[in-house]
Protein backbone atom coordinates (compact mmCIF):
# COMPACT_ATOMS: atom_id res chain seq x y z
CA UNK A 1 39.51 160.96 40.65
CA UNK A 2 41.16 162.11 44.10
CA UNK A 3 39.56 158.85 45.78
CA UNK A 4 41.17 156.60 43.20
CA UNK A 5 44.54 158.23 43.77
CA UNK A 6 44.02 158.17 47.47
CA UNK A 7 43.08 154.70 47.10
CA UNK A 8 46.32 153.49 45.31
CA UNK A 9 48.33 155.10 48.01
CA UNK A 10 47.01 153.23 50.19
CA UNK A 11 47.26 150.19 49.01
CA UNK A 12 51.09 150.72 48.06
CA UNK A 13 51.36 151.49 51.69
CA UNK A 14 49.65 148.42 52.97
CA UNK A 15 52.12 146.36 50.44
CA UNK A 16 55.11 148.18 51.64
CA UNK A 17 53.90 147.30 55.42
CA UNK A 18 53.31 143.60 54.86
CA UNK A 19 56.45 143.39 52.92
CA UNK A 20 58.82 144.84 55.38
CA UNK A 21 56.94 142.77 57.90
CA UNK A 22 57.92 139.75 56.05
CA UNK A 23 61.50 140.67 55.73
CA UNK A 24 61.89 141.02 59.60
CA UNK A 25 60.23 137.79 60.22
CA UNK A 26 62.44 135.99 57.91
CA UNK A 27 65.46 137.88 59.39
CA UNK A 28 64.26 136.62 62.77
CA UNK A 29 64.03 133.15 61.78
CA UNK A 30 67.69 132.73 60.72
CA UNK A 31 69.20 129.42 62.94
CA UNK A 32 71.73 130.82 65.39
CA UNK A 33 74.56 128.57 67.30
CA UNK A 34 75.67 129.60 70.96
CA UNK A 35 78.65 128.69 72.36
CA UNK A 36 80.63 129.41 75.70
CA UNK A 37 82.82 132.33 75.83
CA UNK A 38 85.73 131.26 78.14
CA UNK A 39 88.05 128.11 76.70
CA UNK A 40 86.73 124.75 77.46
CA UNK A 41 89.22 122.66 79.81
CA UNK A 42 90.60 119.46 78.45
CA UNK A 43 88.19 116.50 78.34
CA UNK A 44 85.57 119.02 79.66
CA UNK A 45 81.66 118.55 78.40
CA UNK A 46 80.20 121.84 77.34
CA UNK A 47 76.82 123.20 75.99
CA UNK A 48 75.93 124.25 72.42
CA UNK A 49 72.70 125.60 72.04
CA UNK A 50 70.74 126.31 69.00
CA UNK A 51 67.80 128.28 67.90
CA UNK A 52 65.71 127.51 64.71
CA UNK A 53 62.57 128.08 62.87
CA UNK A 54 61.14 125.00 64.43
CA UNK A 55 60.24 122.44 61.59
CA UNK A 56 62.98 121.09 59.49
CA UNK A 57 66.36 119.66 60.45
CA UNK A 58 69.79 120.94 61.49
CA UNK A 59 72.70 119.05 60.64
CA UNK A 60 76.22 120.14 62.77
CA UNK A 61 79.53 118.81 61.85
CA UNK A 62 82.17 118.71 64.76
CA UNK A 63 86.03 118.42 64.34
CA UNK A 64 88.09 115.15 65.04
CA UNK A 65 88.23 114.19 68.73
CA UNK A 66 85.82 116.25 69.59
CA UNK A 67 82.76 113.88 70.49
CA UNK A 68 78.82 114.15 70.80
CA UNK A 69 77.58 113.32 74.38
CA UNK A 70 73.84 114.19 74.25
CA UNK A 71 70.93 116.70 73.32
CA UNK A 72 68.00 117.55 75.30
CA UNK A 73 65.95 116.24 71.81
CA UNK A 74 64.76 112.62 72.19
CA UNK A 75 66.87 110.14 71.10
CA UNK A 76 64.66 109.41 68.11
CA UNK A 77 65.24 112.77 66.95
CA UNK A 78 68.83 112.64 66.66
CA UNK A 79 71.12 110.22 64.16
CA UNK A 80 75.02 110.38 64.33
CA UNK A 81 77.30 109.45 62.04
CA UNK A 82 81.05 110.15 62.40
CA UNK A 83 81.53 113.66 62.94
CA UNK A 84 77.95 114.62 61.58
CA UNK A 85 74.73 115.06 63.86
CA UNK A 86 71.74 115.29 62.48
CA UNK A 87 68.81 116.94 64.97
CA UNK A 88 64.94 116.52 63.15
CA UNK A 89 63.25 119.42 64.69
CA UNK A 90 58.93 119.07 64.84
CA UNK A 91 58.25 122.19 66.25
CA UNK A 92 61.45 122.44 68.18
CA UNK A 93 62.36 126.00 68.02
CA UNK A 94 65.32 125.72 70.43
CA UNK A 95 67.58 122.71 71.80
CA UNK A 96 70.69 122.09 73.28
CA UNK A 97 73.42 119.21 72.82
CA UNK A 98 76.66 118.49 74.63
CA UNK A 99 80.00 117.92 73.49
CA UNK A 100 83.30 116.53 74.98
CA UNK A 101 86.45 118.41 74.53
CA UNK A 102 89.55 116.88 73.61
CA UNK A 103 92.45 116.41 76.19
CA UNK A 104 94.77 118.26 73.79
CA UNK A 105 95.78 122.16 75.19
CA UNK A 106 95.21 124.72 72.97
CA UNK A 107 93.07 123.02 70.22
CA UNK A 108 90.35 124.75 68.46
CA UNK A 109 87.28 123.64 66.67
CA UNK A 110 85.01 125.48 64.34
CA UNK A 111 81.57 124.11 64.18
CA UNK A 112 79.50 124.01 60.81
CA UNK A 113 75.95 123.60 60.28
CA UNK A 114 73.07 124.13 57.88
CA UNK A 115 69.30 124.32 59.01
CA UNK A 116 67.11 122.59 56.38
CA UNK A 117 63.37 123.81 56.20
CA UNK A 118 60.11 122.35 55.14
CA UNK A 119 60.83 123.07 51.45
CA UNK A 120 64.50 121.75 51.72
CA UNK A 121 66.01 124.98 51.31
CA UNK A 122 69.28 124.94 53.35
CA UNK A 123 70.16 127.82 55.52
CA UNK A 124 73.61 128.40 57.40
CA UNK A 125 73.72 127.82 61.05
CA UNK A 126 75.06 131.86 62.16
CA UNK A 127 76.26 132.57 65.48
CA UNK A 128 79.34 131.22 67.30
CA UNK A 129 81.11 128.68 65.51
CA UNK A 130 84.46 128.50 67.14
CA UNK A 131 85.48 126.81 70.83
CA UNK A 132 89.07 126.32 72.33
CA UNK A 133 90.56 124.17 74.43
CA UNK A 134 92.30 126.14 77.40
CA UNK A 135 96.02 125.85 77.58
CA UNK A 136 97.60 125.33 81.10
CA UNK A 137 99.34 128.55 82.23
CA UNK A 138 100.34 126.94 85.51
CA UNK A 139 101.48 123.94 86.69
CA UNK A 140 101.51 121.77 89.94
CA UNK A 141 104.36 119.68 90.94
CA UNK A 142 104.10 116.79 93.71
CA UNK A 143 106.63 114.21 95.12
CA UNK A 144 106.94 110.97 93.10
CA UNK A 145 106.85 108.82 96.48
CA UNK A 146 104.15 108.45 98.84
CA UNK A 147 103.56 110.09 101.56
CA UNK A 148 104.28 108.35 105.11
CA UNK A 149 100.70 108.31 107.46
CA UNK A 150 100.59 111.60 108.90
CA UNK A 151 103.90 112.77 107.32
CA UNK A 152 104.18 116.12 105.44
CA UNK A 153 103.98 116.58 101.93
CA UNK A 154 105.32 119.78 99.63
CA UNK A 155 103.23 121.15 96.66
CA UNK A 156 104.99 123.32 94.37
CA UNK A 157 103.05 125.80 91.96
CA UNK A 158 104.45 127.60 88.63
CA UNK A 159 102.16 130.08 87.14
CA UNK A 160 102.89 133.55 85.40
CA UNK A 161 103.72 134.94 88.44
CA UNK A 162 100.61 137.76 88.57
CA UNK A 163 97.31 137.03 89.70
CA UNK A 164 95.72 134.30 92.48
CA UNK A 165 95.75 130.55 92.75
CA UNK A 166 93.04 128.68 94.60
CA UNK A 167 93.98 125.30 95.18
CA UNK A 168 91.00 122.64 96.61
CA UNK A 169 92.64 119.75 98.97
CA UNK A 170 90.93 116.54 100.37
CA UNK A 171 89.12 115.99 103.88
CA UNK A 172 91.57 114.90 106.24
CA UNK A 173 94.86 116.75 104.54
CA UNK A 174 96.02 119.60 106.26
CA UNK A 175 97.53 122.84 105.37
CA UNK A 176 100.69 123.44 107.33
CA UNK A 177 102.54 126.64 105.77
CA UNK A 178 103.96 128.09 102.55
CA UNK A 179 106.47 129.81 101.39
CA UNK A 180 104.15 133.03 100.90
CA UNK A 181 101.38 134.30 102.86
CA UNK A 182 98.03 132.46 102.82
CA UNK A 183 95.53 135.00 101.54
CA UNK A 184 92.41 133.27 102.62
CA UNK A 185 91.13 129.60 103.56
CA UNK A 186 87.59 128.58 103.17
CA UNK A 187 86.89 124.63 104.29
CA UNK A 188 89.44 122.65 101.74
CA UNK A 189 90.09 126.02 99.55
CA UNK A 190 93.40 127.51 99.78
CA UNK A 191 93.55 131.17 98.19
CA UNK A 192 97.06 132.59 97.28
CA UNK A 193 97.46 136.19 95.98
CA UNK A 194 100.23 136.36 93.79
CA UNK A 195 102.41 139.75 92.96
CA UNK A 196 105.26 138.36 90.62
CA UNK A 197 105.64 135.07 92.24
CA UNK A 198 106.06 132.65 89.63
CA UNK A 199 107.08 129.70 91.70
CA UNK A 200 105.68 129.32 95.70
CA UNK A 201 105.27 126.25 97.61
CA UNK A 202 102.85 124.88 100.07
CA UNK A 203 102.71 122.27 102.73
CA UNK A 204 100.35 119.74 103.61
CA UNK A 205 100.12 117.12 106.79
CA UNK A 206 98.70 113.70 105.38
CA UNK A 207 96.10 111.87 107.30
CA UNK A 208 96.90 108.54 109.31
CA UNK A 209 94.67 106.46 107.26
CA UNK A 210 97.23 104.14 105.21
CA UNK A 211 96.46 103.93 101.44
CA UNK A 212 94.50 107.19 101.40
CA UNK A 213 94.76 109.32 98.21
CA UNK A 214 93.84 113.10 97.13
CA UNK A 215 93.66 114.22 94.02
CA UNK A 216 94.05 118.50 94.14
CA UNK A 217 92.47 120.46 91.71
CA UNK A 218 93.13 124.36 91.34
CA UNK A 219 92.42 127.44 89.67
CA UNK A 220 94.88 130.28 88.18
CA UNK A 221 92.61 133.56 87.56
CA UNK A 222 95.15 136.32 85.62
CA UNK A 223 94.79 139.85 85.75
CA UNK A 224 92.00 140.01 83.54
CA UNK A 225 89.68 137.56 86.07
CA UNK A 226 90.31 134.82 83.34
CA UNK A 227 90.42 131.50 85.03
CA UNK A 228 92.93 128.76 83.98
CA UNK A 229 92.99 125.01 85.18
CA UNK A 230 96.61 124.19 86.82
CA UNK A 231 97.76 121.30 85.09
CA UNK A 232 100.96 119.09 85.70
CA UNK A 233 100.39 116.49 88.74
CA UNK A 234 97.61 116.20 91.03
CA UNK A 235 97.37 112.78 92.91
CA UNK A 236 99.42 111.91 96.16
CA UNK A 237 99.25 109.01 98.15
CA UNK A 238 99.56 107.46 101.97
CA UNK A 239 101.85 104.94 101.99
CA UNK A 240 100.59 101.33 103.03
CA UNK A 241 102.66 99.28 105.17
CA UNK A 242 103.45 95.48 103.13
CA UNK A 243 102.86 92.90 105.78
CA UNK A 244 105.59 90.32 105.75
CA UNK A 245 104.45 86.82 105.88
CA UNK A 246 105.72 84.36 108.83
CA UNK A 247 107.28 81.20 108.42
CA UNK A 248 105.23 78.17 108.38
CA UNK A 249 106.43 75.80 110.80
CA UNK A 250 107.56 72.29 109.12
CA UNK A 251 107.62 68.70 111.52
CA UNK A 252 109.60 66.38 110.55
CA UNK A 253 110.90 62.73 111.53
CA UNK A 254 114.13 60.81 111.90
CA UNK A 255 114.28 57.82 109.63
CA UNK A 256 113.24 59.36 106.08
CA UNK A 257 109.61 57.59 106.25
CA UNK A 258 108.19 60.74 105.26
CA UNK A 259 105.29 61.01 107.93
CA UNK A 260 105.89 64.35 109.66
CA UNK A 261 104.92 63.38 112.94
CA UNK A 262 106.63 65.40 115.22
CA UNK A 263 109.24 63.67 117.67
CA UNK A 264 108.65 60.02 117.92
CA UNK A 265 109.11 58.58 121.74
CA UNK A 266 112.07 56.99 122.47
CA UNK A 267 112.63 52.88 121.53
CA UNK A 268 113.92 50.16 123.94
CA UNK A 269 114.73 46.93 122.40
CA UNK A 270 115.65 44.40 124.79
CA UNK A 271 117.30 41.08 123.83
CA UNK A 272 117.99 38.15 126.77
CA UNK A 273 119.59 34.90 125.58
CA UNK A 274 120.19 32.22 128.29
CA UNK A 275 122.24 29.05 127.13
CA UNK A 276 123.04 26.03 129.00
CA UNK A 277 124.67 23.11 127.61
CA UNK A 278 125.81 19.93 129.59
CA UNK A 279 129.39 19.25 128.63
CA UNK A 280 132.16 18.14 130.48
CA UNK A 281 132.81 21.60 131.47
CA UNK A 282 129.30 22.72 132.99
CA UNK A 283 129.26 26.30 131.58
CA UNK A 284 125.93 28.36 132.05
CA UNK A 285 126.05 31.89 129.93
CA UNK A 286 123.51 34.64 130.19
CA UNK A 287 123.50 37.25 127.85
CA UNK A 288 121.47 40.86 128.00
CA UNK A 289 121.64 43.28 125.44
CA UNK A 290 119.40 46.65 126.15
CA UNK A 291 119.85 49.15 123.33
CA UNK A 292 118.11 52.59 123.76
CA UNK A 293 117.87 55.02 121.06
CA UNK A 294 115.97 58.31 121.63
CA UNK A 295 115.73 61.02 118.69
CA UNK A 296 114.70 64.66 119.23
CA UNK A 297 114.14 66.66 116.26
CA UNK A 298 112.70 70.68 116.31
CA UNK A 299 112.60 73.51 113.65
CA UNK A 300 115.37 74.40 112.60
CA UNK A 301 116.08 70.62 112.33
CA UNK A 302 118.46 69.56 115.19
CA UNK A 303 118.70 65.66 115.60
CA UNK A 304 120.17 64.57 118.94
CA UNK A 305 120.82 61.00 119.11
CA UNK A 306 121.50 58.88 122.36
CA UNK A 307 122.67 55.39 122.46
CA UNK A 308 123.61 53.15 125.47
CA UNK A 309 124.18 49.34 125.02
CA UNK A 310 125.61 48.07 128.25
CA UNK A 311 126.49 44.51 127.32
CA UNK A 312 127.16 41.65 130.13
CA UNK A 313 127.83 38.41 130.09
CA UNK A 314 128.15 36.67 133.65
CA UNK A 315 130.06 33.68 133.73
CA UNK A 316 129.83 30.78 136.39
CA UNK A 317 132.23 28.02 136.86
CA UNK A 318 131.45 25.20 139.21
CA UNK A 319 133.71 22.02 140.24
CA UNK A 320 133.52 19.06 137.45
CA UNK A 321 131.98 16.03 138.68
CA UNK A 322 133.24 13.16 137.85
CA UNK A 323 131.01 11.06 135.61
CA UNK A 324 129.13 8.03 137.32
CA UNK A 325 129.44 9.81 140.73
CA UNK A 326 126.11 10.56 140.70
CA UNK A 327 125.02 7.00 140.82
CA UNK A 328 127.88 5.49 143.23
CA UNK A 329 126.70 7.31 146.26
CA UNK A 330 123.04 5.60 145.98
CA UNK A 331 124.45 2.19 145.79
CA UNK A 332 127.13 2.79 148.83
CA UNK A 333 124.14 3.84 150.95
CA UNK A 334 122.25 0.45 149.77
CA UNK A 335 125.37 -1.53 150.67
CA UNK A 336 125.82 -0.06 154.13
CA UNK A 337 122.30 -0.66 154.94
CA UNK A 338 122.68 -4.48 153.75
CA UNK A 339 125.64 -5.05 155.85
CA UNK A 340 124.01 -3.20 159.21
CA UNK A 341 120.67 -5.94 158.88
CA UNK A 342 122.70 -8.72 158.35
CA UNK A 343 125.19 -8.04 161.45
CA UNK A 344 121.86 -7.73 163.39
């Protein structure tokens, strides 16, 4: 009798133990999500972690503007439909996926998800669910114009006024000074400690390279050691000189024939006319006309024309000869010779 009672008690204890273990096991297998503790910067990609029983499917629903990027699972185990991402798990108790935050400061998203086990039973995913985009509480102001090569540019920072500012400048850009003391400089990182200074300025010297640019990045760390990205302007550029094209020389020629052959050689035209006409008054006329034309053209167009036309008409006049005189002289000679011989 006592043995039967003892046996029943032992069975009861074992059943309770198994039941308790089963309850603990089920509690341990509840799916959970982990998210970053701090706010997310605008446009930043962050990681979401999922822990599950390992076989089944996880369905996560994101908010509008929050974009799924990738995951640690093989691509054939992931499907995307709008804001809903389905992860098929085959012995994968833990995995991660990445999401890109929107650019809107201060916006937040509550991620909703379920785990569906092999028995098609849905289990809500617990753990973290809300993520927020940081609001810029500090800003930077830069000149709108480019800075001359080797020139200086002034940077203005506005912040809540208590904490530290760390600005990261680019290679080739040199820190010159600031309106408050520089706490520390390590490489391109400049650190300023603020004690109620809501606005301050610092000066950089640009490199000598024309067209060089720098995107300044900065962090404001508040009194609770929470980092906030510095918003506002971030890019500054070194001016680039614009070359002025030289004018192209143009050759022209006088005469309007369209041929650009530089300056033509001088042209000389000579005309000589001689006319002799036997008349009652013997007249010999000689006419010589010489024309020289030279045209010089330069750029800008300048035309000089020299024309020389010497005209000379010499005239010579001889004593008029009576008609028949040229015949009479031989006849007289013949008559004289005849008389001379006859007298002999």
